[in-house]
Amino acid sequence: MQRKLSRGFSDRSGVAAIEFAIVGPLFFMVLLGVLIFAIYLGTVHSVQQITAEAARATVQGLSETERAELAQNQVRNIVGGYPLIDPNYLTVTAATSQNDANLFNVSISYDASRSIVFAFEGLIPMPPKTIARSAVVRRGGY
C-alpha cells in the first residue's frame, strides 16, 4: 500500500493541465486587455487623424462660416475610410480661437461608448468613453 501511495505522489502526468488551469485564465485576461487597448488606441489615432485632416481643409476658407463648413465636409468625406469610427457619434466644432484671432481651431469629440471595447467593461480597467481631439491652423495657412 505504501508503495502504491508513494508512486501516486511521484506521478507527474496531469501537472501541465493543472498549471494551465491556474495560469491560463490570467494569460487570456492579459491578452484580452492588450487587444482591447489596441483597438481603443486605434480609435484615438483615427479621431486625431480626422481632426488634423479637417483642420488642414479649413486653410482654403475665407470666412469663419466657410471654414467651419469646409471642416464639416472634410469629416463627412473621409470618415468612411476609418473602420473603427461610427460617423453618427462624431461631433465637430470649428471656430476661431478665443485666444488668438489668427488661429482657427477644429475640435472633434467621439462617443466611443458603443465600441466593442466597452463590451468587456468590468473585466479590465476601461479608458474614457469620450475621445476629444483638436487641431489648430493659422489663418492663411502660414
Protein backbone atom coordinates (compact mmCIF):
# COMPACT_ATOMS: atom_id res chain seq x y z
CA MET A 1 0.00 0.00 0.00
CA GLN A 2 2.77 2.41 0.92
CA ARG A 3 4.48 1.64 -2.40
CA LYS A 4 1.33 2.49 -4.36
CA LEU A 5 0.88 5.69 -2.39
CA SER A 6 4.45 6.88 -2.98
CA ARG A 7 4.16 6.01 -6.67
CA GLY A 8 0.98 8.13 -6.85
CA PHE A 9 2.78 11.18 -5.46
CA SER A 10 5.66 10.81 -7.91
CA ASP A 11 3.37 10.52 -10.94
CA ARG A 12 3.74 13.80 -12.90
CA SER A 13 1.02 13.26 -15.51
CA GLY A 14 -1.60 15.96 -15.42
CA VAL A 15 0.66 18.61 -13.86
CA ALA A 16 0.64 20.68 -17.06
CA ALA A 17 -3.16 20.66 -17.10
CA ILE A 18 -3.30 21.87 -13.51
CA GLU A 19 -0.73 24.60 -14.20
CA PHE A 20 -2.69 25.71 -17.27
CA ALA A 21 -5.90 25.80 -15.23
CA ILE A 22 -4.20 28.19 -12.82
CA VAL A 23 -2.24 30.37 -15.26
CA GLY A 24 -4.48 30.14 -18.37
CA PRO A 25 -7.28 32.49 -17.27
CA LEU A 26 -4.77 35.14 -16.22
CA PHE A 27 -2.94 34.82 -19.54
CA PHE A 28 -6.17 35.20 -21.52
CA MET A 29 -7.23 38.25 -19.47
CA VAL A 30 -3.90 39.96 -20.21
CA LEU A 31 -4.20 39.04 -23.89
CA LEU A 32 -7.77 40.38 -23.99
CA GLY A 33 -6.61 43.61 -22.29
CA VAL A 34 -3.86 44.12 -24.87
CA LEU A 35 -6.31 43.54 -27.72
CA ILE A 36 -8.92 45.89 -26.26
CA PHE A 37 -6.44 48.70 -25.68
CA ALA A 38 -5.01 48.24 -29.18
CA ILE A 39 -8.48 48.73 -30.63
CA TYR A 40 -9.06 51.76 -28.37
CA LEU A 41 -5.73 53.36 -29.29
CA GLY A 42 -6.53 52.77 -32.97
CA THR A 43 -9.79 54.63 -32.45
CA VAL A 44 -8.00 57.51 -30.69
CA HIS A 45 -5.49 57.72 -33.52
CA SER A 46 -8.29 57.73 -36.10
CA VAL A 47 -10.06 60.61 -34.33
CA GLN A 48 -6.80 62.58 -34.25
CA GLN A 49 -6.18 61.96 -37.95
CA ILE A 50 -9.72 63.04 -38.88
CA THR A 51 -9.27 66.19 -36.79
CA ALA A 52 -5.98 67.05 -38.46
CA GLU A 53 -7.43 66.49 -41.94
CA ALA A 54 -10.42 68.70 -41.14
CA ALA A 55 -8.15 71.45 -39.81
CA ARG A 56 -5.99 71.33 -42.94
CA ALA A 57 -9.09 71.63 -45.11
CA THR A 58 -10.07 74.91 -43.40
CA VAL A 59 -6.98 76.70 -44.70
CA GLN A 60 -8.70 77.50 -48.00
CA GLY A 61 -11.72 79.17 -46.38
CA LEU A 62 -12.13 82.93 -46.46
CA SER A 63 -14.63 83.43 -43.65
CA GLU A 64 -15.23 81.65 -40.36
CA THR A 65 -18.50 80.21 -41.69
CA GLU A 66 -16.82 78.87 -44.81
CA ARG A 67 -14.01 77.35 -42.75
CA ALA A 68 -16.49 75.61 -40.47
CA GLU A 69 -18.35 74.21 -43.48
CA LEU A 70 -15.08 73.00 -45.01
CA ALA A 71 -14.20 71.20 -41.78
CA GLN A 72 -17.64 69.53 -41.61
CA ASN A 73 -17.47 68.49 -45.26
CA GLN A 74 -13.97 67.09 -44.90
CA VAL A 75 -15.04 64.97 -41.93
CA ARG A 76 -18.06 63.65 -43.85
CA ASN A 77 -15.86 62.81 -46.85
CA ILE A 78 -13.09 60.94 -45.03
CA VAL A 79 -14.79 59.28 -42.06
CA GLY A 80 -15.78 56.29 -44.20
CA GLY A 81 -12.11 55.38 -44.52
CA TYR A 82 -11.81 54.77 -40.77
CA PRO A 83 -13.45 51.45 -39.87
CA LEU A 84 -13.26 51.99 -36.11
CA ILE A 85 -15.27 55.23 -36.27
CA ASP A 86 -19.05 55.45 -36.47
CA PRO A 87 -19.85 58.86 -38.03
CA ASN A 88 -23.13 59.09 -36.11
CA TYR A 89 -21.24 59.66 -32.85
CA LEU A 90 -18.79 62.34 -34.05
CA THR A 91 -19.26 65.96 -33.03
CA VAL A 92 -17.28 68.56 -34.99
CA THR A 93 -16.71 72.09 -33.70
CA ALA A 94 -14.82 74.62 -35.79
CA ALA A 95 -14.28 78.24 -34.77
CA THR A 96 -11.72 80.99 -34.45
CA SER A 97 -9.58 80.61 -31.35
CA GLN A 98 -10.65 82.78 -28.43
CA ASN A 99 -7.02 83.48 -27.53
CA ASP A 100 -5.71 84.47 -30.96
CA ALA A 101 -7.82 85.74 -33.87
CA ASN A 102 -5.24 84.38 -36.34
CA LEU A 103 -5.79 80.79 -35.24
CA PHE A 104 -8.65 78.55 -36.30
CA ASN A 105 -9.47 75.60 -34.04
CA VAL A 106 -11.15 72.35 -35.13
CA SER A 107 -12.27 70.06 -32.31
CA ILE A 108 -13.81 66.63 -32.64
CA SER A 109 -15.47 64.67 -29.88
CA TYR A 110 -16.27 60.99 -30.39
CA ASP A 111 -18.56 58.94 -28.15
CA ALA A 112 -16.82 55.55 -28.09
CA SER A 113 -19.17 54.02 -25.50
CA ARG A 114 -20.79 51.82 -28.17
CA SER A 115 -17.42 50.45 -29.29
CA ILE A 116 -16.58 46.76 -28.90
CA VAL A 117 -14.02 47.87 -26.32
CA PHE A 118 -16.69 48.64 -23.74
CA ALA A 119 -18.39 45.26 -24.13
CA PHE A 120 -15.77 43.99 -21.66
CA GLU A 121 -16.42 46.64 -19.03
CA GLY A 122 -15.89 45.21 -15.59
CA LEU A 123 -13.31 42.65 -16.68
CA ILE A 124 -10.45 45.11 -17.11
CA PRO A 125 -9.94 48.81 -16.33
CA MET A 126 -11.58 50.89 -19.04
CA PRO A 127 -10.32 54.03 -20.78
CA PRO A 128 -12.52 57.16 -21.10
CA LYS A 129 -15.68 56.71 -23.19
CA THR A 130 -15.36 60.10 -24.88
CA ILE A 131 -12.40 60.81 -27.13
CA ALA A 132 -11.77 64.51 -27.75
CA ARG A 133 -9.06 65.86 -30.04
CA SER A 134 -8.34 69.25 -31.57
CA ALA A 135 -6.09 70.78 -34.19
CA VAL A 136 -5.25 74.40 -34.82
CA VAL A 137 -4.22 76.10 -38.07
CA ARG A 138 -3.09 79.66 -38.63
CA ARG A 139 -5.28 81.89 -40.80
CA GLY A 140 -4.00 81.90 -44.34
CA GLY A 141 -2.13 78.66 -43.72
CA TYR A 142 1.23 80.28 -42.98
